[in-house]
Amino acid sequence: MMPPDDFNPPIGTPETVAPDVRRIVAPNPSPMTYRGTNTYLVGTQEVAVIDPGPQSDAHLEAILASIGPGARVSHILVTHTHLDHSPLARPLAEATGAPILAFGGADSGRSAVMQELAQAGEIGGGEGIDTEFTPDETLQDGQIVQGHGWTLEAIHTPGHIGNHLSFALGRTCFTADHVMGWASSLVSPPDGDLTDFMASCAKLSARTWDVFLPGHGAPITAPADRLNWLTSHRLSREASILAALEHGPATAFALAEAIYTETPPALLGAAARNVLAHLVDLYGKSLVAPTGALTAETIFRLNPEKLHAK
């Protein structure tokens, strides 16, 4: 999915995107981060900073300059431990005295399947993980965080990574990298888990939202439509993988080459990781089978007996 050309916000300048919510875009544009990481400031007197962003002195200065006279940072909330979201949390905490709240460290929230894959150490992954991140306080699903004039609810939305949190502010949801408008999320095992990703989409779909404020890109003003698209998109990818395997066993990368025909070569590796996530999910459903141990280069084949039963 190509990103829209009309989202080109000023870098390092706060912009109001919802009542009492400002967005500051970090100076880290890339094919995986779009224009840069969105840092959100919630509140006016006691300010919650959601996703301080990457290690950047300029971005730290931009955040501190945007707090406002007479205001203070009361909470630093980290949605997940990727290097474009969490590293600036500690410098910001040192500058403001505010505690850092998150679901946990880099390997928190993994499913049993992903824990097993991580321990085996042959599945690859680990892209962009902030392994040094440690929160001051951990947040559980449904936990409430409050400041002057605002209330945020933590929603555990694993999938992109096991420790991923979204935050509800009434009917506004900060969806970080779980739901974005410019692209679908990278899901790369063992940190990413497609089974969890689909369950998290269903979890968000069970509630009524007015707008999603993502970790990258513009606000999503039709949240239900976007969630439906993401679910349909993943199911379509699953169908394409199964159809491709009808031509014979293949690796995740070979399947990505066959399926992601319009993807630039530089992004084909990320596409292969997404395919691998699908294959692990399909293996869990007994629809495919690996020809050996689960690794990034494993050849997968259809499980015809299960498919016929399906």
Protein backbone atom coordinates (compact mmCIF):
# COMPACT_ATOMS: atom_id res chain seq x y z
CA MET A 1 0.00 0.00 0.00
CA MET A 2 1.50 3.32 -1.08
CA PRO A 3 1.51 6.11 1.52
CA PRO A 4 -0.54 9.23 0.79
CA ASP A 5 1.46 12.17 -0.53
CA ASP A 6 -0.49 14.77 1.47
CA PHE A 7 0.93 13.80 4.88
CA ASN A 8 4.05 15.89 5.25
CA PRO A 9 3.98 17.53 8.69
CA PRO A 10 6.71 19.82 10.00
CA ILE A 11 9.37 17.92 11.90
CA GLY A 12 9.80 18.83 15.55
CA THR A 13 6.82 21.21 15.63
CA PRO A 14 3.78 20.42 17.79
CA GLU A 15 0.44 20.23 15.98
CA THR A 16 -2.97 19.75 17.60
CA VAL A 17 -4.57 16.55 16.29
CA ALA A 18 -7.38 16.09 18.84
CA PRO A 19 -8.69 18.01 21.86
CA ASP A 20 -5.76 18.41 24.29
CA VAL A 21 -3.61 16.15 22.10
CA ARG A 22 -0.57 17.39 20.19
CA ARG A 23 1.70 15.45 17.83
CA ILE A 24 5.41 16.02 17.28
CA VAL A 25 7.04 14.08 14.43
CA ALA A 26 10.57 12.87 15.12
CA PRO A 27 13.41 13.38 12.62
CA ASN A 28 13.70 9.70 11.63
CA PRO A 29 12.01 9.23 8.24
CA SER A 30 12.62 5.91 6.47
CA PRO A 31 10.79 3.28 4.39
CA MET A 32 9.76 1.62 7.68
CA THR A 33 8.87 4.77 9.66
CA TYR A 34 7.34 6.93 6.89
CA ARG A 35 7.79 10.63 7.79
CA GLY A 36 9.04 9.73 11.28
CA THR A 37 7.76 8.55 14.65
CA ASN A 38 4.72 10.34 16.04
CA THR A 39 5.20 11.48 19.64
CA TYR A 40 1.96 12.55 21.31
CA LEU A 41 1.49 15.01 24.17
CA VAL A 42 -1.77 14.45 26.07
CA GLY A 43 -3.02 17.15 28.44
CA THR A 44 -2.05 20.74 29.16
CA GLN A 45 -1.05 20.93 32.85
CA GLU A 46 0.03 17.37 33.60
CA VAL A 47 1.26 16.04 30.28
CA ALA A 48 1.52 12.40 29.26
CA VAL A 49 4.12 11.81 26.56
CA ILE A 50 3.24 8.79 24.43
CA ASP A 51 6.22 7.30 22.56
CA PRO A 52 9.14 9.70 23.10
CA GLY A 53 10.74 8.19 20.00
CA PRO A 54 14.27 7.41 18.85
CA GLN A 55 17.47 8.57 20.47
CA SER A 56 17.66 12.16 19.27
CA ASP A 57 18.83 15.28 21.07
CA ALA A 58 16.85 17.45 18.66
CA HIS A 59 13.63 15.54 19.34
CA LEU A 60 14.18 15.65 23.10
CA GLU A 61 14.57 19.42 22.86
CA ALA A 62 11.42 19.66 20.73
CA ILE A 63 9.39 17.71 23.31
CA LEU A 64 10.65 19.75 26.25
CA ALA A 65 10.04 23.02 24.41
CA SER A 66 6.45 21.98 23.67
CA ILE A 67 5.32 21.15 27.22
CA GLY A 68 4.25 24.73 27.87
CA PRO A 69 4.67 27.23 30.71
CA GLY A 70 3.44 26.02 34.08
CA ALA A 71 3.00 22.47 32.78
CA ARG A 72 5.00 19.36 33.59
CA VAL A 73 5.45 15.88 32.17
CA SER A 74 3.67 13.57 34.61
CA HIS A 75 3.89 10.26 32.70
CA ILE A 76 5.97 8.80 29.89
CA LEU A 77 4.07 6.02 28.12
CA VAL A 78 5.85 3.65 25.73
CA THR A 79 3.70 1.59 23.37
CA HIS A 80 6.42 -0.92 22.52
CA THR A 81 10.15 -1.54 22.52
CA HIS A 82 11.26 -0.72 19.00
CA LEU A 83 14.18 1.63 18.48
CA ASP A 84 12.00 4.24 16.80
CA HIS A 85 9.64 4.45 19.81
CA SER A 86 11.31 3.79 23.16
CA PRO A 87 15.00 4.87 23.47
CA LEU A 88 14.28 8.52 24.22
CA ALA A 89 12.12 7.56 27.21
CA ARG A 90 15.03 7.41 29.64
CA PRO A 91 16.60 10.77 28.67
CA LEU A 92 13.15 12.35 28.87
CA ALA A 93 12.59 10.81 32.31
CA GLU A 94 15.93 12.14 33.49
CA ALA A 95 15.06 15.60 32.21
CA THR A 96 11.57 15.71 33.71
CA GLY A 97 11.47 13.30 36.64
CA ALA A 98 8.44 11.53 35.15
CA PRO A 99 8.13 7.74 35.40
CA ILE A 100 8.25 5.48 32.34
CA LEU A 101 5.26 3.16 31.95
CA ALA A 102 5.06 0.24 29.51
CA PHE A 103 3.93 -3.37 29.28
CA GLY A 104 7.45 -4.60 29.93
CA GLY A 105 10.86 -5.27 28.41
CA ALA A 106 11.74 -6.42 24.94
CA ASP A 107 10.57 -10.03 25.29
CA SER A 108 7.48 -9.38 27.43
CA GLY A 109 4.11 -10.53 26.17
CA ARG A 110 5.34 -13.26 23.84
CA SER A 111 3.03 -16.19 23.27
CA ALA A 112 4.20 -19.66 24.26
CA VAL A 113 4.84 -20.46 20.59
CA MET A 114 7.05 -17.41 20.12
CA GLN A 115 8.89 -18.05 23.38
CA GLU A 116 9.75 -21.51 22.10
CA LEU A 117 10.93 -20.12 18.75
CA ALA A 118 13.01 -17.46 20.47
CA GLN A 119 14.67 -20.03 22.72
CA ALA A 120 15.49 -22.24 19.74
CA GLY A 121 17.26 -19.22 18.23
CA GLU A 122 16.90 -20.25 14.59
CA ILE A 123 13.93 -18.19 13.40
CA GLY A 124 15.83 -14.92 12.94
CA GLY A 125 14.01 -11.66 13.59
CA GLY A 126 15.00 -9.15 16.23
CA GLU A 127 14.79 -6.22 13.83
CA GLY A 128 15.02 -2.84 15.54
CA ILE A 129 14.45 -4.11 19.09
CA ASP A 130 15.36 -1.87 22.02
CA THR A 131 16.84 -4.63 24.17
CA GLU A 132 18.01 -2.17 26.87
CA PHE A 133 14.57 -0.75 27.61
CA THR A 134 13.25 -1.14 31.16
CA PRO A 135 10.12 0.66 32.38
CA ASP A 136 9.79 2.16 35.83
CA GLU A 137 6.26 0.77 36.10
CA THR A 138 4.54 -1.97 34.12
CA LEU A 139 1.04 -1.67 32.72
CA GLN A 140 -1.46 -4.50 32.34
CA ASP A 141 -4.35 -4.78 29.91
CA GLY A 142 -7.18 -2.51 31.07
CA GLN A 143 -5.07 -0.53 33.53
CA ILE A 144 -5.96 3.16 33.90
CA VAL A 145 -3.47 6.02 33.93
CA GLN A 146 -4.76 9.46 34.93
CA GLY A 147 -3.54 13.03 34.95
CA HIS A 148 -5.17 16.43 35.26
CA GLY A 149 -7.97 16.50 32.69
CA TRP A 150 -7.30 13.15 31.04
CA THR A 151 -7.71 9.39 31.55
CA LEU A 152 -5.92 6.79 29.45
CA GLU A 153 -6.66 3.07 29.35
CA ALA A 154 -3.90 0.64 28.42
CA ILE A 155 -4.98 -1.98 25.87
CA HIS A 156 -2.61 -4.88 25.29
CA THR A 157 -2.46 -5.34 21.51
CA PRO A 158 0.33 -7.85 20.79
CA GLY A 159 1.08 -8.85 17.22
CA HIS A 160 3.56 -6.35 15.84
CA ILE A 161 5.51 -7.22 19.00
CA GLY A 162 4.43 -9.02 22.16
CA ASN A 163 4.67 -6.00 24.48
CA HIS A 164 2.65 -3.68 22.24
CA LEU A 165 0.13 -1.42 23.98
CA SER A 166 -2.51 0.87 22.53
CA PHE A 167 -4.04 3.62 24.67
CA ALA A 168 -7.67 4.68 24.75
CA LEU A 169 -8.56 8.31 25.44
CA GLY A 170 -12.33 8.10 25.39
CA ARG A 171 -13.19 7.11 21.81
CA THR A 172 -9.75 8.12 20.55
CA CYS A 173 -7.15 5.35 20.42
CA PHE A 174 -3.39 5.71 20.14
CA THR A 175 -2.70 2.59 18.08
CA ALA A 176 1.08 2.98 17.63
CA ASP A 177 2.28 0.40 15.07
CA HIS A 178 -0.66 -1.97 15.37
CA VAL A 179 -2.94 0.08 13.11
CA MET A 180 -1.52 2.66 10.71
CA GLY A 181 -3.07 4.27 7.68
CA TRP A 182 -0.05 4.47 5.37
CA ALA A 183 0.98 0.80 5.59
CA SER A 184 0.24 -2.47 7.35
CA SER A 185 2.42 -3.52 10.28
CA LEU A 186 5.55 -5.63 10.05
CA VAL A 187 5.01 -8.91 11.88
CA SER A 188 8.34 -10.70 12.24
CA PRO A 189 8.70 -13.79 14.48
CA PRO A 190 9.53 -14.33 17.27
CA ASP A 191 8.84 -10.73 18.30
CA GLY A 192 5.86 -10.47 15.94
CA ASP A 193 3.02 -12.98 16.12
CA LEU A 194 0.34 -13.04 13.42
CA THR A 195 -2.06 -15.10 15.52
CA ASP A 196 -1.87 -12.42 18.22
CA PHE A 197 -2.07 -9.66 15.62
CA MET A 198 -5.40 -10.92 14.30
CA ALA A 199 -6.74 -11.35 17.83
CA SER A 200 -5.73 -7.77 18.67
CA CYS A 201 -7.54 -6.49 15.58
CA ALA A 202 -10.67 -8.31 16.76
CA LYS A 203 -10.18 -6.84 20.23
CA LEU A 204 -10.12 -3.28 18.91
CA SER A 205 -12.99 -4.00 16.52
CA ALA A 206 -15.22 -4.93 19.47
CA ARG A 207 -15.22 -1.29 20.58
CA THR A 208 -16.51 1.94 19.01
CA TRP A 209 -13.86 4.48 18.05
CA ASP A 210 -13.95 7.95 16.51
CA VAL A 211 -10.31 8.17 15.46
CA PHE A 212 -7.03 6.26 15.62
CA LEU A 213 -3.79 8.17 16.20
CA PRO A 214 -1.02 5.89 14.90
CA GLY A 215 2.69 5.72 15.56
CA HIS A 216 3.47 6.85 12.03
CA GLY A 217 1.39 8.77 9.53
CA ALA A 218 -1.86 10.70 9.66
CA PRO A 219 -4.88 10.17 11.93
CA ILE A 220 -7.24 7.40 10.82
CA THR A 221 -10.72 8.89 10.71
CA ALA A 222 -12.55 5.68 9.79
CA PRO A 223 -11.16 3.22 12.37
CA ALA A 224 -13.66 0.40 11.77
CA ASP A 225 -13.00 0.49 8.03
CA ARG A 226 -9.27 0.36 8.57
CA LEU A 227 -9.53 -2.60 10.94
CA ASN A 228 -11.72 -4.40 8.43
CA TRP A 229 -9.16 -3.70 5.71
CA LEU A 230 -6.29 -4.99 7.84
CA THR A 231 -8.14 -8.20 8.65
CA SER A 232 -9.15 -8.74 5.01
CA HIS A 233 -5.63 -7.94 3.86
CA ARG A 234 -4.09 -10.56 6.13
CA LEU A 235 -6.68 -13.17 5.11
CA SER A 236 -5.95 -12.37 1.47
CA ARG A 237 -2.22 -12.86 2.08
CA GLU A 238 -2.98 -16.18 3.76
CA ALA A 239 -4.98 -17.29 0.72
CA SER A 240 -2.17 -16.20 -1.61
CA ILE A 241 0.39 -18.19 0.38
CA LEU A 242 -1.74 -21.32 0.32
CA ALA A 243 -2.34 -20.88 -3.42
CA ALA A 244 1.38 -20.44 -4.08
CA LEU A 245 2.20 -23.57 -2.09
CA GLU A 246 -0.10 -25.54 -4.40
CA HIS A 247 2.72 -25.22 -6.95
CA GLY A 248 5.13 -26.92 -4.57
CA PRO A 249 7.02 -26.44 -1.29
CA ALA A 250 8.82 -23.12 -0.84
CA THR A 251 10.61 -20.88 1.64
CA ALA A 252 9.15 -17.67 3.03
CA PHE A 253 11.43 -15.59 0.81
CA ALA A 254 10.49 -17.50 -2.34
CA LEU A 255 6.82 -17.06 -1.47
CA ALA A 256 7.36 -13.33 -0.87
CA GLU A 257 8.98 -13.00 -4.31
CA ALA A 258 5.98 -14.72 -5.88
CA ILE A 259 3.31 -12.80 -3.94
CA TYR A 260 4.72 -9.30 -3.32
CA THR A 261 5.24 -8.57 -7.01
CA GLU A 262 4.95 -4.78 -6.64
CA THR A 263 7.17 -4.49 -3.57
CA PRO A 264 10.50 -2.66 -4.07
CA PRO A 265 13.49 -5.03 -3.76
CA ALA A 266 14.73 -3.14 -0.69
CA LEU A 267 11.55 -4.09 1.19
CA LEU A 268 11.36 -7.71 0.05
CA GLY A 269 13.17 -8.91 3.17
CA ALA A 270 10.49 -7.35 5.37
CA ALA A 271 7.82 -8.92 3.16
CA ALA A 272 9.46 -12.31 3.66
CA ARG A 273 9.28 -11.85 7.43
CA ASN A 274 5.56 -11.15 7.13
CA VAL A 275 5.16 -14.31 5.04
CA LEU A 276 7.08 -16.27 7.66
CA ALA A 277 4.67 -14.99 10.31
CA HIS A 278 1.79 -16.28 8.19
CA LEU A 279 3.49 -19.65 7.77
CA VAL A 280 3.98 -20.01 11.54
CA ASP A 281 0.30 -19.14 12.02
CA LEU A 282 -0.75 -21.62 9.32
CA TYR A 283 1.46 -24.26 10.91
CA GLY A 284 -0.38 -23.68 14.16
CA LYS A 285 -3.62 -24.32 12.29
CA SER A 286 -2.09 -27.49 10.73
CA LEU A 287 -2.66 -26.08 7.22
CA VAL A 288 1.05 -26.19 6.33
CA ALA A 289 4.01 -28.16 7.60
CA PRO A 290 7.73 -27.35 7.73
CA THR A 291 10.15 -29.81 6.19
CA GLY A 292 12.48 -29.39 9.18
CA ALA A 293 13.04 -27.21 12.20
CA LEU A 294 11.44 -23.77 12.05
CA THR A 295 14.01 -21.31 10.72
CA ALA A 296 13.93 -18.33 8.38
CA GLU A 297 15.00 -20.62 5.52
CA THR A 298 12.70 -23.56 6.24
CA ILE A 299 10.83 -25.00 3.27
CA PHE A 300 7.09 -25.29 3.91
CA ARG A 301 4.58 -27.55 2.20
CA LEU A 302 0.81 -27.82 2.26
CA ASN A 303 -0.85 -30.22 4.65
CA PRO A 304 -3.35 -31.64 2.14
CA GLU A 305 -5.30 -33.71 4.67
CA LYS A 306 -6.09 -30.67 6.80
CA LEU A 307 -6.86 -28.50 3.78
CA HIS A 308 -9.34 -31.04 2.46
CA ALA A 309 -10.97 -31.19 5.86
CA LYS A 310 -11.18 -27.41 5.88
